[in-house]
Amino acid sequence: GQAGERKLAKARLLAENGFTPPVAGLCHGFLVQKWVPARPMASGE
């Protein structure tokens, strides 16, 4: 319902501004985002 719709709108806004992974969409409660090739940050970073 609206909980998922709010998350979708938030995910798109954050992704469009370069903070989070790209978003494909929402399918009946499940949000689909790109699994970006990346590594965990090292403590010094």
PDB file of all heavy atoms in Angstrom:
ATOM      1  N   GLY A   1       0.812  -1.205   0.000  1.00  0.00           N
ATOM      2  CA  GLY A   1       0.000   0.000   0.000  1.00  0.00           C
ATOM      3  C   GLY A   1       0.848   1.260   0.000  1.00  0.00           C
ATOM      4  O   GLY A   1       1.902   1.351  -0.640  1.00  0.00           O
ATOM      5  N   GLN A   2       0.377   2.240   0.754  1.00  0.00           N
ATOM      6  CA  GLN A   2       1.039   3.548   0.755  1.00  0.00           C
ATOM      7  C   GLN A   2       2.437   3.499   1.363  1.00  0.00           C
ATOM      8  O   GLN A   2       3.289   4.316   1.014  1.00  0.00           O
ATOM      9  CB  GLN A   2       0.161   4.559   1.484  1.00  0.00           C
ATOM     10  CG  GLN A   2      -1.120   4.888   0.722  1.00  0.00           C
ATOM     11  CD  GLN A   2      -1.962   5.917   1.429  1.00  0.00           C
ATOM     12  OE1 GLN A   2      -2.387   5.718   2.572  1.00  0.00           O
ATOM     13  NE2 GLN A   2      -2.224   7.025   0.772  1.00  0.00           N
ATOM     14  N   ALA A   3       2.690   2.561   2.267  1.00  0.00           N
ATOM     15  CA  ALA A   3       4.043   2.437   2.835  1.00  0.00           C
ATOM     16  C   ALA A   3       5.053   2.154   1.732  1.00  0.00           C
ATOM     17  O   ALA A   3       6.126   2.770   1.672  1.00  0.00           O
ATOM     18  CB  ALA A   3       4.073   1.338   3.889  1.00  0.00           C
ATOM     19  N   GLY A   4       4.732   1.218   0.842  1.00  0.00           N
ATOM     20  CA  GLY A   4       5.628   0.913  -0.264  1.00  0.00           C
ATOM     21  C   GLY A   4       5.744   2.054  -1.255  1.00  0.00           C
ATOM     22  O   GLY A   4       6.829   2.324  -1.788  1.00  0.00           O
ATOM     23  N   GLU A   5       4.630   2.742  -1.516  1.00  0.00           N
ATOM     24  CA  GLU A   5       4.653   3.862  -2.455  1.00  0.00           C
ATOM     25  C   GLU A   5       5.544   4.990  -1.936  1.00  0.00           C
ATOM     26  O   GLU A   5       6.277   5.619  -2.711  1.00  0.00           O
ATOM     27  CB  GLU A   5       3.225   4.364  -2.682  1.00  0.00           C
ATOM     28  CG  GLU A   5       2.341   3.361  -3.417  1.00  0.00           C
ATOM     29  CD  GLU A   5       0.865   3.726  -3.350  1.00  0.00           C
ATOM     30  OE1 GLU A   5       0.548   4.844  -2.880  1.00  0.00           O
ATOM     31  OE2 GLU A   5       0.034   2.892  -3.738  1.00  0.00           O
ATOM     32  N   ARG A   6       5.487   5.244  -0.630  1.00  0.00           N
ATOM     33  CA  ARG A   6       6.358   6.277  -0.058  1.00  0.00           C
ATOM     34  C   ARG A   6       7.831   5.891  -0.191  1.00  0.00           C
ATOM     35  O   ARG A   6       8.686   6.730  -0.490  1.00  0.00           O
ATOM     36  CB  ARG A   6       6.003   6.510   1.417  1.00  0.00           C
ATOM     37  CG  ARG A   6       4.676   7.215   1.636  1.00  0.00           C
ATOM     38  CD  ARG A   6       4.538   7.671   3.079  1.00  0.00           C
ATOM     39  NE  ARG A   6       4.527   6.566   4.024  1.00  0.00           N
ATOM     40  CZ  ARG A   6       3.430   5.950   4.443  1.00  0.00           C
ATOM     41  NH1 ARG A   6       2.241   6.332   3.997  1.00  0.00           N
ATOM     42  NH2 ARG A   6       3.503   4.955   5.325  1.00  0.00           N
ATOM     43  N   LYS A   7       8.135   4.625   0.061  1.00  0.00           N
ATOM     44  CA  LYS A   7       9.525   4.167  -0.059  1.00  0.00           C
ATOM     45  C   LYS A   7      10.012   4.296  -1.506  1.00  0.00           C
ATOM     46  O   LYS A   7      11.171   4.665  -1.752  1.00  0.00           O
ATOM     47  CB  LYS A   7       9.645   2.716   0.398  1.00  0.00           C
ATOM     48  CG  LYS A   7       9.243   2.458   1.840  1.00  0.00           C
ATOM     49  CD  LYS A   7      10.361   2.757   2.788  1.00  0.00           C
ATOM     50  CE  LYS A   7       9.912   2.451   4.222  1.00  0.00           C
ATOM     51  NZ  LYS A   7       9.625   1.028   4.449  1.00  0.00           N
ATOM     52  N   LEU A   8       9.141   3.979  -2.469  1.00  0.00           N
ATOM     53  CA  LEU A   8       9.526   4.088  -3.871  1.00  0.00           C
ATOM     54  C   LEU A   8       9.872   5.529  -4.221  1.00  0.00           C
ATOM     55  O   LEU A   8      10.902   5.795  -4.856  1.00  0.00           O
ATOM     56  CB  LEU A   8       8.389   3.585  -4.761  1.00  0.00           C
ATOM     57  CG  LEU A   8       8.584   3.766  -6.274  1.00  0.00           C
ATOM     58  CD1 LEU A   8       9.798   2.976  -6.755  1.00  0.00           C
ATOM     59  CD2 LEU A   8       7.321   3.340  -7.035  1.00  0.00           C
ATOM     60  N   ALA A   9       9.027   6.473  -3.820  1.00  0.00           N
ATOM     61  CA  ALA A   9       9.282   7.883  -4.114  1.00  0.00           C
ATOM     62  C   ALA A   9      10.586   8.340  -3.453  1.00  0.00           C
ATOM     63  O   ALA A   9      11.391   9.067  -4.068  1.00  0.00           O
ATOM     64  CB  ALA A   9       8.107   8.730  -3.637  1.00  0.00           C
ATOM     65  N   LYS A  10      10.817   7.913  -2.210  1.00  0.00           N
ATOM     66  CA  LYS A  10      12.046   8.293  -1.511  1.00  0.00           C
ATOM     67  C   LYS A  10      13.267   7.688  -2.190  1.00  0.00           C
ATOM     68  O   LYS A  10      14.287   8.366  -2.384  1.00  0.00           O
ATOM     69  CB  LYS A  10      11.971   7.825  -0.055  1.00  0.00           C
ATOM     70  CG  LYS A  10      13.106   8.300   0.821  1.00  0.00           C
ATOM     71  CD  LYS A  10      13.181   7.562   2.152  1.00  0.00           C
ATOM     72  CE  LYS A  10      11.903   7.624   2.943  1.00  0.00           C
ATOM     73  NZ  LYS A  10      12.078   7.042   4.312  1.00  0.00           N
ATOM     74  N   ALA A  11      13.165   6.412  -2.573  1.00  0.00           N
ATOM     75  CA  ALA A  11      14.292   5.734  -3.216  1.00  0.00           C
ATOM     76  C   ALA A  11      14.661   6.416  -4.524  1.00  0.00           C
ATOM     77  O   ALA A  11      15.847   6.589  -4.844  1.00  0.00           O
ATOM     78  CB  ALA A  11      13.950   4.268  -3.457  1.00  0.00           C
ATOM     79  N   ARG A  12      13.659   6.802  -5.295  1.00  0.00           N
ATOM     80  CA  ARG A  12      13.941   7.467  -6.572  1.00  0.00           C
ATOM     81  C   ARG A  12      14.608   8.823  -6.363  1.00  0.00           C
ATOM     82  O   ARG A  12      15.558   9.168  -7.074  1.00  0.00           O
ATOM     83  CB  ARG A  12      12.636   7.617  -7.359  1.00  0.00           C
ATOM     84  CG  ARG A  12      12.199   6.322  -8.033  1.00  0.00           C
ATOM     85  CD  ARG A  12      10.892   6.481  -8.773  1.00  0.00           C
ATOM     86  NE  ARG A  12      10.646   5.309  -9.616  1.00  0.00           N
ATOM     87  CZ  ARG A  12       9.444   4.941 -10.050  1.00  0.00           C
ATOM     88  NH1 ARG A  12       8.368   5.659  -9.718  1.00  0.00           N
ATOM     89  NH2 ARG A  12       9.302   3.879 -10.813  1.00  0.00           N
ATOM     90  N   LEU A  13      14.132   9.582  -5.388  1.00  0.00           N
ATOM     91  CA  LEU A  13      14.697  10.911  -5.145  1.00  0.00           C
ATOM     92  C   LEU A  13      16.154  10.804  -4.695  1.00  0.00           C
ATOM     93  O   LEU A  13      17.029  11.544  -5.178  1.00  0.00           O
ATOM     94  CB  LEU A  13      13.863  11.648  -4.101  1.00  0.00           C
ATOM     95  CG  LEU A  13      14.274  13.094  -3.785  1.00  0.00           C
ATOM     96  CD1 LEU A  13      14.211  13.951  -5.049  1.00  0.00           C
ATOM     97  CD2 LEU A  13      13.385  13.672  -2.697  1.00  0.00           C
ATOM     98  N   LEU A  14      16.435   9.885  -3.784  1.00  0.00           N
ATOM     99  CA  LEU A  14      17.810   9.725  -3.306  1.00  0.00           C
ATOM    100  C   LEU A  14      18.723   9.207  -4.403  1.00  0.00           C
ATOM    101  O   LEU A  14      19.882   9.623  -4.519  1.00  0.00           O
ATOM    102  CB  LEU A  14      17.832   8.784  -2.093  1.00  0.00           C
ATOM    103  CG  LEU A  14      17.197   9.321  -0.807  1.00  0.00           C
ATOM    104  CD1 LEU A  14      17.142   8.225   0.251  1.00  0.00           C
ATOM    105  CD2 LEU A  14      17.957  10.534  -0.275  1.00  0.00           C
ATOM    106  N   ALA A  15      18.209   8.289  -5.233  1.00  0.00           N
ATOM    107  CA  ALA A  15      19.023   7.736  -6.317  1.00  0.00           C
ATOM    108  C   ALA A  15      19.306   8.796  -7.385  1.00  0.00           C
ATOM    109  O   ALA A  15      20.435   8.901  -7.888  1.00  0.00           O
ATOM    110  CB  ALA A  15      18.319   6.544  -6.937  1.00  0.00           C
ATOM    111  N   GLU A  16      18.292   9.579  -7.730  1.00  0.00           N
ATOM    112  CA  GLU A  16      18.464  10.618  -8.750  1.00  0.00           C
ATOM    113  C   GLU A  16      19.504  11.653  -8.330  1.00  0.00           C
ATOM    114  O   GLU A  16      20.124  12.291  -9.192  1.00  0.00           O
ATOM    115  CB  GLU A  16      17.130  11.297  -9.030  1.00  0.00           C
ATOM    116  CG  GLU A  16      16.150  10.413  -9.807  1.00  0.00           C
ATOM    117  CD  GLU A  16      14.731  10.941  -9.753  1.00  0.00           C
ATOM    118  OE1 GLU A  16      14.512  12.013  -9.125  1.00  0.00           O
ATOM    119  OE2 GLU A  16      13.826  10.289 -10.308  1.00  0.00           O
ATOM    120  N   ASN A  17      19.708  11.798  -7.028  1.00  0.00           N
ATOM    121  CA  ASN A  17      20.675  12.767  -6.537  1.00  0.00           C
ATOM    122  C   ASN A  17      22.000  12.117  -6.136  1.00  0.00           C
ATOM    123  O   ASN A  17      22.825  12.751  -5.465  1.00  0.00           O
ATOM    124  CB  ASN A  17      20.071  13.559  -5.388  1.00  0.00           C
ATOM    125  CG  ASN A  17      19.068  14.590  -5.873  1.00  0.00           C
ATOM    126  OD1 ASN A  17      19.434  15.707  -6.211  1.00  0.00           O
ATOM    127  ND2 ASN A  17      17.786  14.206  -5.930  1.00  0.00           N
ATOM    128  N   GLY A  18      22.173  10.860  -6.543  1.00  0.00           N
ATOM    129  CA  GLY A  18      23.471  10.225  -6.437  1.00  0.00           C
ATOM    130  C   GLY A  18      23.826   9.635  -5.091  1.00  0.00           C
ATOM    131  O   GLY A  18      24.986   9.287  -4.862  1.00  0.00           O
ATOM    132  N   PHE A  19      22.843   9.471  -4.187  1.00  0.00           N
ATOM    133  CA  PHE A  19      23.174   8.979  -2.850  1.00  0.00           C
ATOM    134  C   PHE A  19      22.978   7.468  -2.690  1.00  0.00           C
ATOM    135  O   PHE A  19      23.629   6.848  -1.855  1.00  0.00           O
ATOM    136  CB  PHE A  19      22.324   9.705  -1.804  1.00  0.00           C
ATOM    137  CG  PHE A  19      22.594  11.178  -1.708  1.00  0.00           C
ATOM    138  CD1 PHE A  19      21.626  12.098  -2.054  1.00  0.00           C
ATOM    139  CD2 PHE A  19      23.827  11.646  -1.290  1.00  0.00           C
ATOM    140  CE1 PHE A  19      21.869  13.462  -1.971  1.00  0.00           C
ATOM    141  CE2 PHE A  19      24.091  13.005  -1.205  1.00  0.00           C
ATOM    142  CZ  PHE A  19      23.109  13.925  -1.553  1.00  0.00           C
ATOM    143  N   THR A  20      22.065   6.879  -3.443  1.00  0.00           N
ATOM    144  CA  THR A  20      21.701   5.469  -3.277  1.00  0.00           C
ATOM    145  C   THR A  20      21.633   4.801  -4.650  1.00  0.00           C
ATOM    146  O   THR A  20      21.658   5.478  -5.681  1.00  0.00           O
ATOM    147  CB  THR A  20      20.345   5.337  -2.569  1.00  0.00           C
ATOM    148  OG1 THR A  20      19.352   6.040  -3.323  1.00  0.00           O
ATOM    149  CG2 THR A  20      20.394   5.908  -1.151  1.00  0.00           C
ATOM    150  N   PRO A  21      21.528   3.473  -4.709  1.00  0.00           N
ATOM    151  CA  PRO A  21      21.521   2.769  -6.002  1.00  0.00           C
ATOM    152  C   PRO A  21      20.296   3.112  -6.855  1.00  0.00           C
ATOM    153  O   PRO A  21      19.242   3.481  -6.334  1.00  0.00           O
ATOM    154  CB  PRO A  21      21.504   1.287  -5.585  1.00  0.00           C
ATOM    155  CG  PRO A  21      22.062   1.262  -4.210  1.00  0.00           C
ATOM    156  CD  PRO A  21      21.596   2.544  -3.566  1.00  0.00           C
ATOM    157  N   PRO A  22      20.418   2.958  -8.183  1.00  0.00           N
ATOM    158  CA  PRO A  22      19.289   3.198  -9.083  1.00  0.00           C
ATOM    159  C   PRO A  22      18.108   2.280  -8.777  1.00  0.00           C
ATOM    160  O   PRO A  22      18.278   1.177  -8.248  1.00  0.00           O
ATOM    161  CB  PRO A  22      19.871   2.893 -10.469  1.00  0.00           C
ATOM    162  CG  PRO A  22      21.347   3.039 -10.308  1.00  0.00           C
ATOM    163  CD  PRO A  22      21.656   2.624  -8.897  1.00  0.00           C
ATOM    164  N   VAL A  23      16.911   2.747  -9.128  1.00  0.00           N
ATOM    165  CA  VAL A  23      15.669   2.048  -8.804  1.00  0.00           C
ATOM    166  C   VAL A  23      14.986   1.580 -10.078  1.00  0.00           C
ATOM    167  O   VAL A  23      14.814   2.363 -11.021  1.00  0.00           O
ATOM    168  CB  VAL A  23      14.717   2.980  -8.024  1.00  0.00           C
ATOM    169  CG1 VAL A  23      13.411   2.264  -7.687  1.00  0.00           C
ATOM    170  CG2 VAL A  23      15.391   3.487  -6.757  1.00  0.00           C
ATOM    171  N   ALA A  24      14.578   0.306 -10.100  1.00  0.00           N
ATOM    172  CA  ALA A  24      13.803  -0.210 -11.232  1.00  0.00           C
ATOM    173  C   ALA A  24      12.311  -0.003 -11.019  1.00  0.00           C
ATOM    174  O   ALA A  24      11.573   0.253 -11.967  1.00  0.00           O
ATOM    175  CB  ALA A  24      14.097  -1.694 -11.440  1.00  0.00           C
ATOM    176  N   GLY A  25      11.846  -0.138  -9.776  1.00  0.00           N
ATOM    177  CA  GLY A  25      10.429   0.047  -9.508  1.00  0.00           C
ATOM    178  C   GLY A  25       9.971  -0.752  -8.308  1.00  0.00           C
ATOM    179  O   GLY A  25      10.779  -1.297  -7.544  1.00  0.00           O
ATOM    180  N   LEU A  26       8.668  -0.822  -8.150  1.00  0.00           N
ATOM    181  CA  LEU A  26       8.031  -1.506  -7.024  1.00  0.00           C
ATOM    182  C   LEU A  26       7.089  -2.555  -7.580  1.00  0.00           C
ATOM    183  O   LEU A  26       6.280  -2.271  -8.480  1.00  0.00           O
ATOM    184  CB  LEU A  26       7.242  -0.486  -6.191  1.00  0.00           C
ATOM    185  CG  LEU A  26       6.603  -0.953  -4.886  1.00  0.00           C
ATOM    186  CD1 LEU A  26       7.671  -1.208  -3.817  1.00  0.00           C
ATOM    187  CD2 LEU A  26       5.595   0.092  -4.380  1.00  0.00           C
ATOM    188  N   CYS A  27       7.175  -3.777  -7.081  1.00  0.00           N
ATOM    189  CA  CYS A  27       6.258  -4.822  -7.525  1.00  0.00           C
ATOM    190  C   CYS A  27       5.566  -5.427  -6.299  1.00  0.00           C
ATOM    191  O   CYS A  27       6.143  -6.242  -5.582  1.00  0.00           O
ATOM    192  CB  CYS A  27       6.946  -5.872  -8.378  1.00  0.00           C
ATOM    193  SG  CYS A  27       8.445  -6.610  -7.712  1.00  0.00           S
ATOM    194  N   HIS A  28       4.355  -4.968  -6.064  1.00  0.00           N
ATOM    195  CA  HIS A  28       3.486  -5.441  -4.989  1.00  0.00           C
ATOM    196  C   HIS A  28       4.229  -5.614  -3.671  1.00  0.00           C
ATOM    197  O   HIS A  28       4.280  -6.686  -3.085  1.00  0.00           O
ATOM    198  CB  HIS A  28       2.808  -6.740  -5.389  1.00  0.00           C
ATOM    199  CG  HIS A  28       1.605  -7.078  -4.549  1.00  0.00           C
ATOM    200  ND1 HIS A  28       0.925  -6.140  -3.782  1.00  0.00           N
ATOM    201  CD2 HIS A  28       0.946  -8.253  -4.337  1.00  0.00           C
ATOM    202  CE1 HIS A  28      -0.075  -6.717  -3.150  1.00  0.00           C
ATOM    203  NE2 HIS A  28      -0.093  -7.990  -3.477  1.00  0.00           N
ATOM    204  N   GLY A  29       4.817  -4.512  -3.201  1.00  0.00           N
ATOM    205  CA  GLY A  29       5.462  -4.494  -1.889  1.00  0.00           C
ATOM    206  C   GLY A  29       6.963  -4.639  -1.916  1.00  0.00           C
ATOM    207  O   GLY A  29       7.623  -4.314  -0.929  1.00  0.00           O
ATOM    208  N   PHE A  30       7.523  -5.116  -3.018  1.00  0.00           N
ATOM    209  CA  PHE A  30       8.973  -5.322  -3.098  1.00  0.00           C
ATOM    210  C   PHE A  30       9.606  -4.249  -3.978  1.00  0.00           C
ATOM    211  O   PHE A  30       9.225  -4.066  -5.141  1.00  0.00           O
ATOM    212  CB  PHE A  30       9.296  -6.708  -3.646  1.00  0.00           C
ATOM    213  CG  PHE A  30       9.245  -7.789  -2.608  1.00  0.00           C
ATOM    214  CD1 PHE A  30       8.044  -8.424  -2.313  1.00  0.00           C
ATOM    215  CD2 PHE A  30      10.380  -8.154  -1.898  1.00  0.00           C
ATOM    216  CE1 PHE A  30       7.977  -9.417  -1.344  1.00  0.00           C
ATOM    217  CE2 PHE A  30      10.326  -9.144  -0.928  1.00  0.00           C
ATOM    218  CZ  PHE A  30       9.127  -9.774  -0.645  1.00  0.00           C
ATOM    219  N   LEU A  31      10.577  -3.548  -3.415  1.00  0.00           N
ATOM    220  CA  LEU A  31      11.322  -2.531  -4.143  1.00  0.00           C
ATOM    221  C   LEU A  31      12.519  -3.190  -4.819  1.00  0.00           C
ATOM    222  O   LEU A  31      13.232  -3.984  -4.204  1.00  0.00           O
ATOM    223  CB  LEU A  31      11.801  -1.441  -3.183  1.00  0.00           C
ATOM    224  CG  LEU A  31      12.523  -0.253  -3.802  1.00  0.00           C
ATOM    225  CD1 LEU A  31      11.532   0.628  -4.561  1.00  0.00           C
ATOM    226  CD2 LEU A  31      13.226   0.565  -2.727  1.00  0.00           C
ATOM    227  N   VAL A  32      12.730  -2.845  -6.086  1.00  0.00           N
ATOM    228  CA  VAL A  32      13.827  -3.430  -6.860  1.00  0.00           C
ATOM    229  C   VAL A  32      14.842  -2.336  -7.159  1.00  0.00           C
ATOM    230  O   VAL A  32      14.544  -1.356  -7.844  1.00  0.00           O
ATOM    231  CB  VAL A  32      13.309  -4.069  -8.161  1.00  0.00           C
ATOM    232  CG1 VAL A  32      14.464  -4.719  -8.923  1.00  0.00           C
ATOM    233  CG2 VAL A  32      12.213  -5.094  -7.862  1.00  0.00           C
ATOM    234  N   GLN A  33      16.063  -2.496  -6.626  1.00  0.00           N
ATOM    235  CA  GLN A  33      17.151  -1.551  -6.819  1.00  0.00           C
ATOM    236  C   GLN A  33      18.378  -2.272  -7.377  1.00  0.00           C
ATOM    237  O   GLN A  33      18.591  -3.458  -7.108  1.00  0.00           O
ATOM    238  CB  GLN A  33      17.553  -0.891  -5.492  1.00  0.00           C
ATOM    239  CG  GLN A  33      16.567   0.124  -4.953  1.00  0.00           C
ATOM    240  CD  GLN A  33      17.079   0.757  -3.668  1.00  0.00           C
ATOM    241  OE1 GLN A  33      17.092   0.126  -2.623  1.00  0.00           O
ATOM    242  NE2 GLN A  33      17.514   2.007  -3.751  1.00  0.00           N
ATOM    243  N   LYS A  34      19.189  -1.547  -8.109  1.00  0.00           N
ATOM    244  CA  LYS A  34      20.411  -2.125  -8.670  1.00  0.00           C
ATOM    245  C   LYS A  34      21.357  -2.569  -7.557  1.00  0.00           C
ATOM    246  O   LYS A  34      21.530  -1.850  -6.561  1.00  0.00           O
ATOM    247  CB  LYS A  34      21.107  -1.084  -9.550  1.00  0.00           C
ATOM    248  CG  LYS A  34      22.214  -1.657 -10.419  1.00  0.00           C
ATOM    249  CD  LYS A  34      21.660  -2.524 -11.532  1.00  0.00           C
ATOM    250  CE  LYS A  34      22.756  -3.028 -12.459  1.00  0.00           C
ATOM    251  NZ  LYS A  34      22.230  -3.989 -13.438  1.00  0.00           N
ATOM    252  N   TRP A  35      21.907  -3.758  -7.693  1.00  0.00           N
ATOM    253  CA  TRP A  35      22.971  -4.227  -6.800  1.00  0.00           C
ATOM    254  C   TRP A  35      24.284  -3.724  -7.384  1.00  0.00           C
ATOM    255  O   TRP A  35      24.825  -4.292  -8.324  1.00  0.00           O
ATOM    256  CB  TRP A  35      22.938  -5.752  -6.702  1.00  0.00           C
ATOM    257  CG  TRP A  35      23.949  -6.330  -5.759  1.00  0.00           C
ATOM    258  CD1 TRP A  35      25.203  -6.743  -6.075  1.00  0.00           C
ATOM    259  CD2 TRP A  35      23.804  -6.570  -4.357  1.00  0.00           C
ATOM    260  NE1 TRP A  35      25.854  -7.234  -4.955  1.00  0.00           N
ATOM    261  CE2 TRP A  35      25.005  -7.140  -3.883  1.00  0.00           C
ATOM    262  CE3 TRP A  35      22.771  -6.358  -3.447  1.00  0.00           C
ATOM    263  CZ2 TRP A  35      25.202  -7.503  -2.558  1.00  0.00           C
ATOM    264  CZ3 TRP A  35      22.970  -6.721  -2.121  1.00  0.00           C
ATOM    265  CH2 TRP A  35      24.163  -7.280  -1.681  1.00  0.00           C
ATOM    266  N   VAL A  36      24.762  -2.612  -6.866  1.00  0.00           N
ATOM    267  CA  VAL A  36      25.899  -1.913  -7.465  1.00  0.00           C
ATOM    268  C   VAL A  36      27.204  -2.634  -7.122  1.00  0.00           C
ATOM    269  O   VAL A  36      27.452  -2.946  -5.946  1.00  0.00           O
ATOM    270  CB  VAL A  36      25.952  -0.457  -6.954  1.00  0.00           C
ATOM    271  CG1 VAL A  36      27.158   0.277  -7.531  1.00  0.00           C
ATOM    272  CG2 VAL A  36      24.666   0.274  -7.317  1.00  0.00           C
ATOM    273  N   PRO A  37      28.052  -2.912  -8.124  1.00  0.00           N
ATOM    274  CA  PRO A  37      29.373  -3.490  -7.817  1.00  0.00           C
ATOM    275  C   PRO A  37      30.177  -2.502  -6.959  1.00  0.00           C
ATOM    276  O   PRO A  37      30.544  -1.421  -7.413  1.00  0.00           O
ATOM    277  CB  PRO A  37      30.007  -3.661  -9.206  1.00  0.00           C
ATOM    278  CG  PRO A  37      28.869  -3.662 -10.165  1.00  0.00           C
ATOM    279  CD  PRO A  37      27.834  -2.751  -9.575  1.00  0.00           C
ATOM    280  N   ALA A  38      30.407  -2.868  -5.744  1.00  0.00           N
ATOM    281  CA  ALA A  38      31.078  -1.968  -4.808  1.00  0.00           C
ATOM    282  C   ALA A  38      31.645  -2.800  -3.663  1.00  0.00           C
ATOM    283  O   ALA A  38      31.328  -3.971  -3.506  1.00  0.00           O
ATOM    284  CB  ALA A  38      30.106  -0.912  -4.275  1.00  0.00           C
ATOM    285  N   ARG A  39      32.470  -2.160  -2.858  1.00  0.00           N
ATOM    286  CA  ARG A  39      33.059  -2.835  -1.697  1.00  0.00           C
ATOM    287  C   ARG A  39      32.724  -2.059  -0.433  1.00  0.00           C
ATOM    288  O   ARG A  39      32.473  -0.843  -0.482  1.00  0.00           O
ATOM    289  CB  ARG A  39      34.579  -2.912  -1.857  1.00  0.00           C
ATOM    290  CG  ARG A  39      35.236  -1.556  -1.959  1.00  0.00           C
ATOM    291  CD  ARG A  39      36.755  -1.637  -1.891  1.00  0.00           C
ATOM    292  NE  ARG A  39      37.382  -0.342  -2.128  1.00  0.00           N
ATOM    293  CZ  ARG A  39      37.508   0.613  -1.215  1.00  0.00           C
ATOM    294  NH1 ARG A  39      37.038   0.423   0.019  1.00  0.00           N
ATOM    295  NH2 ARG A  39      38.102   1.765  -1.518  1.00  0.00           N
ATOM    296  N   PRO A  40      32.715  -2.734   0.712  1.00  0.00           N
ATOM    297  CA  PRO A  40      32.545  -2.002   1.974  1.00  0.00           C
ATOM    298  C   PRO A  40      33.698  -1.024   2.176  1.00  0.00           C
ATOM    299  O   PRO A  40      34.839  -1.287   1.778  1.00  0.00           O
ATOM    300  CB  PRO A  40      32.565  -3.108   3.034  1.00  0.00           C
ATOM    301  CG  PRO A  40      32.230  -4.357   2.296  1.00  0.00           C
ATOM    302  CD  PRO A  40      32.793  -4.189   0.917  1.00  0.00           C
ATOM    303  N   MET A  41      33.411   0.097   2.782  1.00  0.00           N
ATOM    304  CA  MET A  41      34.453   1.099   3.014  1.00  0.00           C
ATOM    305  C   MET A  41      35.414   0.638   4.105  1.00  0.00           C
ATOM    306  O   MET A  41      35.003   0.006   5.079  1.00  0.00           O
ATOM    307  CB  MET A  41      33.817   2.433   3.399  1.00  0.00           C
ATOM    308  CG  MET A  41      33.087   3.108   2.240  1.00  0.00           C
ATOM    309  SD  MET A  41      32.309   4.668   2.726  1.00  0.00           S
ATOM    310  CE  MET A  41      33.741   5.646   3.199  1.00  0.00           C
ATOM    311  N   ALA A  42      36.658   0.960   3.932  1.00  0.00           N
ATOM    312  CA  ALA A  42      37.663   0.676   4.963  1.00  0.00           C
ATOM    313  C   ALA A  42      37.547   1.705   6.077  1.00  0.00           C
ATOM    314  O   ALA A  42      37.087   2.830   5.864  1.00  0.00           O
ATOM    315  CB  ALA A  42      39.061   0.709   4.348  1.00  0.00           C
ATOM    316  N   SER A  43      37.965   1.315   7.271  1.00  0.00           N
ATOM    317  CA  SER A  43      37.763   2.178   8.439  1.00  0.00           C
ATOM    318  C   SER A  43      38.406   3.551   8.264  1.00  0.00           C
ATOM    319  O   SER A  43      37.853   4.573   8.661  1.00  0.00           O
ATOM    320  CB  SER A  43      38.314   1.499   9.694  1.00  0.00           C
ATOM    321  OG  SER A  43      39.696   1.193   9.531  1.00  0.00           O
ATOM    322  N   GLY A  44      39.583   3.629   7.627  1.00  0.00           N
ATOM    323  CA  GLY A  44      40.260   4.908   7.468  1.00  0.00           C
ATOM    324  C   GLY A  44      39.555   5.857   6.514  1.00  0.00           C
ATOM    325  O   GLY A  44      39.745   7.082   6.586  1.00  0.00           O
ATOM    326  N   GLU A  45      38.741   5.309   5.611  1.00  0.00           N
ATOM    327  CA  GLU A  45      38.080   6.148   4.615  1.00  0.00           C
ATOM    328  C   GLU A  45      36.992   7.029   5.216  1.00  0.00           C
ATOM    329  O   GLU A  45      36.648   8.069   4.647  1.00  0.00           O
ATOM    330  CB  GLU A  45      37.485   5.275   3.513  1.00  0.00           C
ATOM    331  CG  GLU A  45      38.521   4.574   2.658  1.00  0.00           C
ATOM    332  CD  GLU A  45      37.892   3.658   1.629  1.00  0.00           C
ATOM    333  OE1 GLU A  45      37.297   2.636   2.035  1.00  0.00           O
ATOM    334  OE2 GLU A  45      37.970   3.972   0.428  1.00  0.00           O
TER     335      GLU A  45
END
